[in-house]
């Protein structure tokens, strides 16, 4: 049994007033999945996975509204699935309820410390499952609405913060982009892609604020290398590669989530999906997802902008090259979402364009 999606068909002529919320059920026993699907399918769209690996894949491709997660599974257990989801900026907001027969006090404390919102014991009681899911989805909706209101109320503060960080990013970007608009465009591209990948508004906003710092380490690279008209020598390229670690050191250690994300982006935006990037040679999901998002936004804008070492590429030519690199340089799932978001990307490009193509 692999991935299962349960959805109730809409009768001809019916009107869906509100799209059903999605519940992801993860359990290695099909009988347990059947019970939970049967309990929830009338009110929710239900997806299911029989192991942790499939669950992570489903969440990456199409984030659910809530997850019901077994603990004892072969391979990646429920604790590890929860840890990975809560460590990822694009998925940490999804509420997780553990459904398990393993319910010692120590296990419950561990699960809650990892970020789970609740436990339900097996064998399950359908009324309890329905009540807990309804309660936590309601809390999730309330938190999203509160988040939206806070976002509106602090819009001016966000805008001021964005401008300050953009200017810091532009201090480095002016070395090889005399308009400084690269950091503005690519940070907006990153926000669009972050939302498409499942980030909520606040997280996508934080990514937009963090992304301009991706190349702050260029401050430490000599102009003779940054502004060179021509191919870098092997020695020069090795110097250029150090800007990631220089940037991470400039940002440093800080309790601010924004600066923590900025440091992650600065350090990982040149890693590649196939493990052949730098500075860490990280591969696939080992690369923080925010780094993978910024990599796509950064390369697209670099290709479609004028630089000392290249002319402006057309959008079509840039996407062709990036499509060929999808699965090698870029996360293929994220790149597909980027292409789907192209109308919004091009609107941003037009709005912040310093030179007509």
Protein backbone atom coordinates (compact mmCIF):
# COMPACT_ATOMS: atom_id res chain seq x y z
CA UNK A 1 0.00 0.00 0.00
CA UNK A 2 1.45 3.38 -0.94
CA UNK A 3 -0.12 6.79 -0.91
CA UNK A 4 -3.89 6.84 -0.64
CA UNK A 5 -6.10 9.85 -1.13
CA UNK A 6 -9.69 9.70 0.01
CA UNK A 7 -12.06 12.40 -1.21
CA UNK A 8 -15.83 12.53 -1.33
CA UNK A 9 -17.14 13.17 -4.85
CA UNK A 10 -19.35 16.19 -5.38
CA UNK A 11 -22.73 15.42 -6.90
CA UNK A 12 -23.62 17.03 -10.20
CA UNK A 13 -24.82 20.57 -9.67
CA UNK A 14 -23.55 20.74 -6.09
CA UNK A 15 -21.61 23.79 -5.01
CA UNK A 16 -18.61 23.49 -2.70
CA UNK A 17 -19.01 26.41 -0.32
CA UNK A 18 -15.71 25.68 1.41
CA UNK A 19 -12.91 23.36 0.38
CA UNK A 20 -12.53 20.43 2.76
CA UNK A 21 -9.54 20.50 5.07
CA UNK A 22 -6.98 17.76 4.56
CA UNK A 23 -5.94 15.18 7.15
CA UNK A 24 -2.84 13.04 6.61
CA UNK A 25 -2.96 9.66 8.38
CA UNK A 26 0.37 7.85 8.83
CA UNK A 27 0.40 4.26 10.09
CA UNK A 28 2.21 1.11 8.95
CA UNK A 29 -0.90 -1.07 9.46
CA UNK A 30 -3.53 -0.77 6.69
CA UNK A 31 -6.30 -1.81 9.10
CA UNK A 32 -5.55 1.17 11.34
CA UNK A 33 -5.56 3.47 8.33
CA UNK A 34 -8.92 2.07 7.21
CA UNK A 35 -10.44 2.79 10.64
CA UNK A 36 -9.18 6.38 10.67
CA UNK A 37 -10.21 7.02 7.07
CA UNK A 38 -13.65 5.66 7.79
CA UNK A 39 -13.91 7.88 10.85
CA UNK A 40 -12.88 11.10 9.10
CA UNK A 41 -13.77 10.82 5.40
CA UNK A 42 -17.26 12.30 5.64
CA UNK A 43 -15.98 15.67 6.84
CA UNK A 44 -12.38 15.84 5.59
CA UNK A 45 -10.23 14.97 2.63
CA UNK A 46 -8.05 12.15 3.94
CA UNK A 47 -4.63 11.14 2.65
CA UNK A 48 -2.68 8.19 4.01
CA UNK A 49 0.86 6.83 4.05
CA UNK A 50 2.15 3.53 5.43
CA UNK A 51 5.60 4.76 6.47
CA UNK A 52 7.49 7.88 7.45
CA UNK A 53 9.28 8.31 4.14
CA UNK A 54 6.00 8.46 2.20
CA UNK A 55 4.53 10.81 4.78
CA UNK A 56 7.39 13.27 4.38
CA UNK A 57 7.03 13.09 0.61
CA UNK A 58 3.30 13.83 0.77
CA UNK A 59 3.83 16.78 3.10
CA UNK A 60 6.52 18.22 0.83
CA UNK A 61 4.34 17.88 -2.26
CA UNK A 62 1.00 18.98 -0.78
CA UNK A 63 0.98 20.09 2.88
CA UNK A 64 -2.08 18.86 4.82
CA UNK A 65 -3.93 20.86 7.47
CA UNK A 66 -3.24 18.30 10.22
CA UNK A 67 -1.35 15.01 10.62
CA UNK A 68 -2.35 11.91 12.61
CA UNK A 69 0.95 10.11 13.15
CA UNK A 70 1.77 6.65 14.46
CA UNK A 71 5.02 6.33 16.46
CA UNK A 72 6.12 2.72 16.03
CA UNK A 73 6.86 2.24 12.32
CA UNK A 74 9.68 0.52 10.42
CA UNK A 75 12.30 2.84 8.99
CA UNK A 76 11.65 6.42 10.08
CA UNK A 77 9.51 6.33 13.22
CA UNK A 78 6.90 8.90 14.14
CA UNK A 79 9.19 10.86 16.44
CA UNK A 80 11.70 11.37 13.62
CA UNK A 81 8.95 12.37 11.17
CA UNK A 82 7.72 14.94 13.68
CA UNK A 83 11.25 16.22 14.32
CA UNK A 84 11.93 16.72 10.60
CA UNK A 85 8.64 18.48 9.95
CA UNK A 86 9.06 20.82 12.91
CA UNK A 87 12.64 21.62 11.87
CA UNK A 88 11.49 22.77 8.43
CA UNK A 89 10.26 26.37 8.15
CA UNK A 90 7.78 25.34 5.46
CA UNK A 91 6.06 22.58 7.48
CA UNK A 92 6.56 23.33 11.17
CA UNK A 93 3.17 25.06 11.49
CA UNK A 94 1.20 21.87 10.67
CA UNK A 95 -0.38 20.42 13.85
CA UNK A 96 0.61 16.80 14.59
CA UNK A 97 -1.37 14.39 16.76
CA UNK A 98 0.33 11.12 17.72
CA UNK A 99 -1.99 8.11 17.54
CA UNK A 100 -0.26 5.22 19.22
CA UNK A 101 -0.38 2.38 21.74
CA UNK A 102 3.00 3.60 23.02
CA UNK A 103 1.89 6.16 25.57
CA UNK A 104 4.26 6.20 28.54
CA UNK A 105 4.77 9.53 30.29
CA UNK A 106 8.30 9.69 28.85
CA UNK A 107 7.02 9.12 25.32
CA UNK A 108 4.29 11.74 25.74
CA UNK A 109 6.79 14.30 27.04
CA UNK A 110 9.16 13.52 24.17
CA UNK A 111 6.42 13.94 21.56
CA UNK A 112 5.21 17.22 23.00
CA UNK A 113 8.77 18.53 23.21
CA UNK A 114 9.21 17.67 19.52
CA UNK A 115 6.19 19.85 18.73
CA UNK A 116 3.17 17.50 18.67
CA UNK A 117 -0.07 19.06 19.89
CA UNK A 118 -1.78 15.97 21.31
CA UNK A 119 -1.83 12.18 21.82
CA UNK A 120 -4.66 9.71 21.12
CA UNK A 121 -4.35 6.15 22.46
CA UNK A 122 -5.02 2.98 20.49
CA UNK A 123 -7.43 1.35 20.09
CA UNK A 124 -9.02 4.57 18.98
CA UNK A 125 -12.47 5.86 19.82
CA UNK A 126 -13.97 7.46 16.67
CA UNK A 127 -15.82 10.18 18.64
CA UNK A 128 -12.58 11.14 20.41
CA UNK A 129 -10.65 11.22 17.12
CA UNK A 130 -13.29 13.45 15.53
CA UNK A 131 -13.36 15.76 18.55
CA UNK A 132 -9.56 16.11 18.78
CA UNK A 133 -9.16 16.71 15.05
CA UNK A 134 -11.98 19.27 15.07
CA UNK A 135 -10.50 21.04 18.11
CA UNK A 136 -6.95 21.27 16.77
CA UNK A 137 -8.05 22.34 13.32
CA UNK A 138 -10.13 25.07 14.93
CA UNK A 139 -7.11 26.18 16.96
CA UNK A 140 -4.99 26.05 13.82
CA UNK A 141 -7.51 28.24 11.98
CA UNK A 142 -7.63 30.65 14.90
CA UNK A 143 -3.85 30.87 14.98
CA UNK A 144 -3.75 31.55 11.24
CA UNK A 145 -6.35 34.30 11.62
CA UNK A 146 -4.44 35.79 14.56
CA UNK A 147 -1.28 35.55 12.49
CA UNK A 148 -3.01 37.42 9.68
CA UNK A 149 -4.18 40.18 12.01
CA UNK A 150 -0.75 40.55 13.58
CA UNK A 151 0.73 40.70 10.11
CA UNK A 152 -1.60 43.53 9.13
CA UNK A 153 -1.03 45.44 12.38
CA UNK A 154 2.77 45.22 12.07
CA UNK A 155 3.00 45.83 8.34
CA UNK A 156 4.91 49.09 8.81
CA UNK A 157 7.42 47.39 11.11
CA UNK A 158 7.92 44.58 8.59
CA UNK A 159 8.41 47.10 5.82
CA UNK A 160 11.01 49.02 7.82
CA UNK A 161 12.84 45.82 8.71
CA UNK A 162 12.80 44.71 5.10
CA UNK A 163 14.30 48.00 3.95
CA UNK A 164 17.09 47.84 6.54
CA UNK A 165 18.02 44.29 5.60
CA UNK A 166 17.75 45.02 1.88
CA UNK A 167 20.25 47.82 2.33
CA UNK A 168 22.63 45.50 4.12
CA UNK A 169 22.25 43.01 1.28
CA UNK A 170 22.78 45.78 -1.26
CA UNK A 171 26.07 46.70 0.42
CA UNK A 172 27.40 43.44 -0.99
CA UNK A 173 25.28 43.39 -4.14
CA UNK A 174 26.56 46.78 -5.34
CA UNK A 175 29.87 45.10 -6.02
CA UNK A 176 28.51 43.29 -9.06
CA UNK A 177 25.02 44.81 -9.56
CA UNK A 178 25.14 48.59 -9.52
CA UNK A 179 21.34 48.91 -9.21
CA UNK A 180 21.01 46.76 -6.09
CA UNK A 181 17.63 45.54 -7.38
CA UNK A 182 18.71 41.91 -7.48
CA UNK A 183 18.17 41.44 -3.74
CA UNK A 184 14.71 43.01 -3.97
CA UNK A 185 13.53 40.86 -6.88
CA UNK A 186 14.95 37.58 -5.66
CA UNK A 187 13.61 38.10 -2.12
CA UNK A 188 10.10 38.58 -3.53
CA UNK A 189 10.58 35.51 -5.76
CA UNK A 190 11.60 33.52 -2.66
CA UNK A 191 8.44 34.63 -0.85
CA UNK A 192 6.23 33.52 -3.74
CA UNK A 193 7.95 30.13 -3.91
CA UNK A 194 7.83 29.75 -0.13
CA UNK A 195 4.06 30.24 -0.15
CA UNK A 196 3.70 27.78 -3.03
CA UNK A 197 5.75 25.26 -1.05
CA UNK A 198 3.45 25.48 1.98
CA UNK A 199 4.85 28.27 4.14
CA UNK A 200 2.30 30.39 5.98
CA UNK A 201 2.25 34.16 5.50
CA UNK A 202 4.56 34.97 8.41
CA UNK A 203 7.16 32.36 7.45
CA UNK A 204 7.15 33.45 3.81
CA UNK A 205 7.48 37.06 4.96
CA UNK A 206 10.42 36.10 7.15
CA UNK A 207 12.06 34.35 4.20
CA UNK A 208 11.59 37.50 2.10
CA UNK A 209 13.30 39.47 4.85
CA UNK A 210 16.13 36.94 5.22
CA UNK A 211 16.82 36.32 1.52
CA UNK A 212 18.53 39.69 0.83
CA UNK A 213 21.34 38.61 3.17
CA UNK A 214 22.20 35.57 1.04
CA UNK A 215 25.31 37.16 -0.49
CA UNK A 216 26.38 39.41 2.38
CA UNK A 217 29.65 37.46 2.43
CA UNK A 218 30.63 39.07 -0.88
CA UNK A 219 31.83 41.97 1.24
CA UNK A 220 34.85 39.81 1.99
CA UNK A 221 35.62 38.94 -1.67
CA UNK A 222 38.11 41.15 -3.57
CA UNK A 223 36.68 43.34 -6.34
CA UNK A 224 39.25 41.88 -8.73
CA UNK A 225 37.34 38.60 -8.52
CA UNK A 226 33.76 39.86 -8.23
CA UNK A 227 34.09 42.31 -11.12
CA UNK A 228 36.28 40.20 -13.35
CA UNK A 229 35.12 40.27 -16.99
CA UNK A 230 35.73 36.67 -17.88
CA UNK A 231 36.02 33.21 -16.44
CA UNK A 232 37.50 32.86 -12.97
CA UNK A 233 40.62 30.79 -12.49
CA UNK A 234 40.36 27.75 -10.25
CA UNK A 235 42.10 29.67 -7.46
CA UNK A 236 39.78 32.67 -7.88
CA UNK A 237 36.73 30.40 -7.84
CA UNK A 238 37.85 28.85 -4.56
CA UNK A 239 38.08 32.35 -3.08
CA UNK A 240 34.62 33.21 -4.45
CA UNK A 241 33.14 30.10 -2.82
CA UNK A 242 34.16 31.33 0.62
CA UNK A 243 31.48 34.05 0.53
CA UNK A 244 28.92 31.60 1.94
CA UNK A 245 30.89 30.94 5.11
CA UNK A 246 31.94 34.58 5.36
CA UNK A 247 28.28 35.56 5.20
CA UNK A 248 27.37 33.07 7.94
CA UNK A 249 30.12 34.50 10.15
CA UNK A 250 28.97 38.09 9.49
CA UNK A 251 25.39 37.25 10.51
CA UNK A 252 26.67 35.21 13.46
CA UNK A 253 24.73 33.59 16.28
CA UNK A 254 21.53 35.34 17.32
CA UNK A 255 18.26 34.46 19.03
CA UNK A 256 16.29 36.19 16.26
CA UNK A 257 14.51 33.67 14.03
CA UNK A 258 14.97 36.08 11.13
CA UNK A 259 18.74 36.18 11.53
CA UNK A 260 18.90 32.43 12.10
CA UNK A 261 17.08 31.93 8.80
CA UNK A 262 19.32 34.50 7.09
CA UNK A 263 22.39 32.61 8.29
CA UNK A 264 20.99 29.32 6.98
CA UNK A 265 20.24 30.93 3.61
CA UNK A 266 23.68 32.54 3.37
CA UNK A 267 25.38 29.25 4.14
CA UNK A 268 23.31 26.90 1.95
CA UNK A 269 22.05 28.76 -1.14
CA UNK A 270 24.89 27.37 -3.27
CA UNK A 271 24.34 23.74 -2.27
CA UNK A 272 23.03 21.53 -5.07
CA UNK A 273 20.39 18.80 -5.11
CA UNK A 274 22.96 16.27 -6.38
CA UNK A 275 25.47 17.06 -3.63
CA UNK A 276 27.95 18.86 -5.89
CA UNK A 277 27.43 22.34 -4.47
CA UNK A 278 29.28 24.20 -1.75
CA UNK A 279 30.38 24.80 0.97
CA UNK A 280 29.09 21.61 2.62
CA UNK A 281 28.38 19.30 -0.31
CA UNK A 282 24.90 18.71 1.10
CA UNK A 283 22.47 16.64 -0.95
CA UNK A 284 18.69 16.62 -1.56
CA UNK A 285 16.61 17.02 1.63
CA UNK A 286 19.76 17.47 3.71
CA UNK A 287 19.86 20.99 2.26
CA UNK A 288 17.54 23.23 4.32
CA UNK A 289 14.47 23.94 2.22
CA UNK A 290 14.87 27.70 2.58
CA UNK A 291 18.32 27.35 1.01
CA UNK A 292 16.82 25.37 -1.88
CA UNK A 293 14.13 28.02 -2.38
CA UNK A 294 16.61 30.90 -2.43
CA UNK A 295 18.89 28.96 -4.82
CA UNK A 296 16.12 28.93 -7.43
CA UNK A 297 15.15 32.57 -6.88
CA UNK A 298 18.79 33.70 -6.95
CA UNK A 299 19.79 31.84 -10.12
CA UNK A 300 16.67 32.89 -12.03
CA UNK A 301 17.26 36.55 -11.28
CA UNK A 302 21.00 36.31 -11.97
CA UNK A 303 20.34 34.75 -15.38
CA UNK A 304 17.69 37.32 -16.34
CA UNK A 305 19.77 40.31 -15.15
CA UNK A 306 22.81 42.08 -16.55
CA UNK A 307 26.08 41.35 -14.77
CA UNK A 308 29.72 42.35 -15.49
CA UNK A 309 30.38 38.85 -16.81
CA UNK A 310 27.16 38.29 -18.82
CA UNK A 311 24.33 39.86 -20.78
CA UNK A 312 20.64 39.62 -19.95
CA UNK A 313 19.07 36.26 -20.73
CA UNK A 314 15.45 35.95 -21.80
CA UNK A 315 13.07 34.31 -19.34
CA UNK A 316 12.58 31.42 -21.79
CA UNK A 317 16.32 30.78 -22.09
CA UNK A 318 16.79 30.97 -18.32
CA UNK A 319 13.94 28.52 -17.63
CA UNK A 320 15.26 26.13 -20.26
CA UNK A 321 18.66 26.00 -18.59
CA UNK A 322 17.14 25.68 -15.12
CA UNK A 323 14.77 22.95 -16.28
CA UNK A 324 17.78 20.97 -17.50
CA UNK A 325 19.38 21.47 -14.08
CA UNK A 326 16.25 20.42 -12.16
CA UNK A 327 17.07 17.31 -10.19
CA UNK A 328 20.78 18.12 -10.38
CA UNK A 329 21.24 21.69 -9.21
CA UNK A 330 17.67 22.40 -8.06
CA UNK A 331 15.05 20.60 -6.00
CA UNK A 332 12.76 19.30 -8.79
CA UNK A 333 9.55 19.69 -6.76
CA UNK A 334 10.36 23.29 -5.85
CA UNK A 335 11.38 24.12 -9.41
CA UNK A 336 8.04 22.81 -10.71
CA UNK A 337 6.25 25.07 -8.19
CA UNK A 338 8.43 27.99 -9.32
CA UNK A 339 7.40 27.45 -12.95
CA UNK A 340 3.73 27.24 -11.90
CA UNK A 341 4.18 30.59 -10.11
CA UNK A 342 5.72 32.26 -13.18
CA UNK A 343 2.88 34.79 -13.78
CA UNK A 344 3.45 36.26 -10.31
CA UNK A 345 7.23 36.03 -10.71
CA UNK A 346 7.11 37.97 -13.98
CA UNK A 347 4.90 40.65 -12.41
CA UNK A 348 7.52 41.15 -9.71
CA UNK A 349 10.27 41.19 -12.31
CA UNK A 350 8.48 43.90 -14.29
CA UNK A 351 7.77 45.97 -11.19
CA UNK A 352 11.42 45.98 -10.06
CA UNK A 353 13.20 46.03 -13.40
CA UNK A 354 16.05 48.47 -13.92
CA UNK A 355 16.51 47.68 -17.62
CA UNK A 356 14.04 46.65 -20.33
CA UNK A 357 14.82 43.39 -22.09
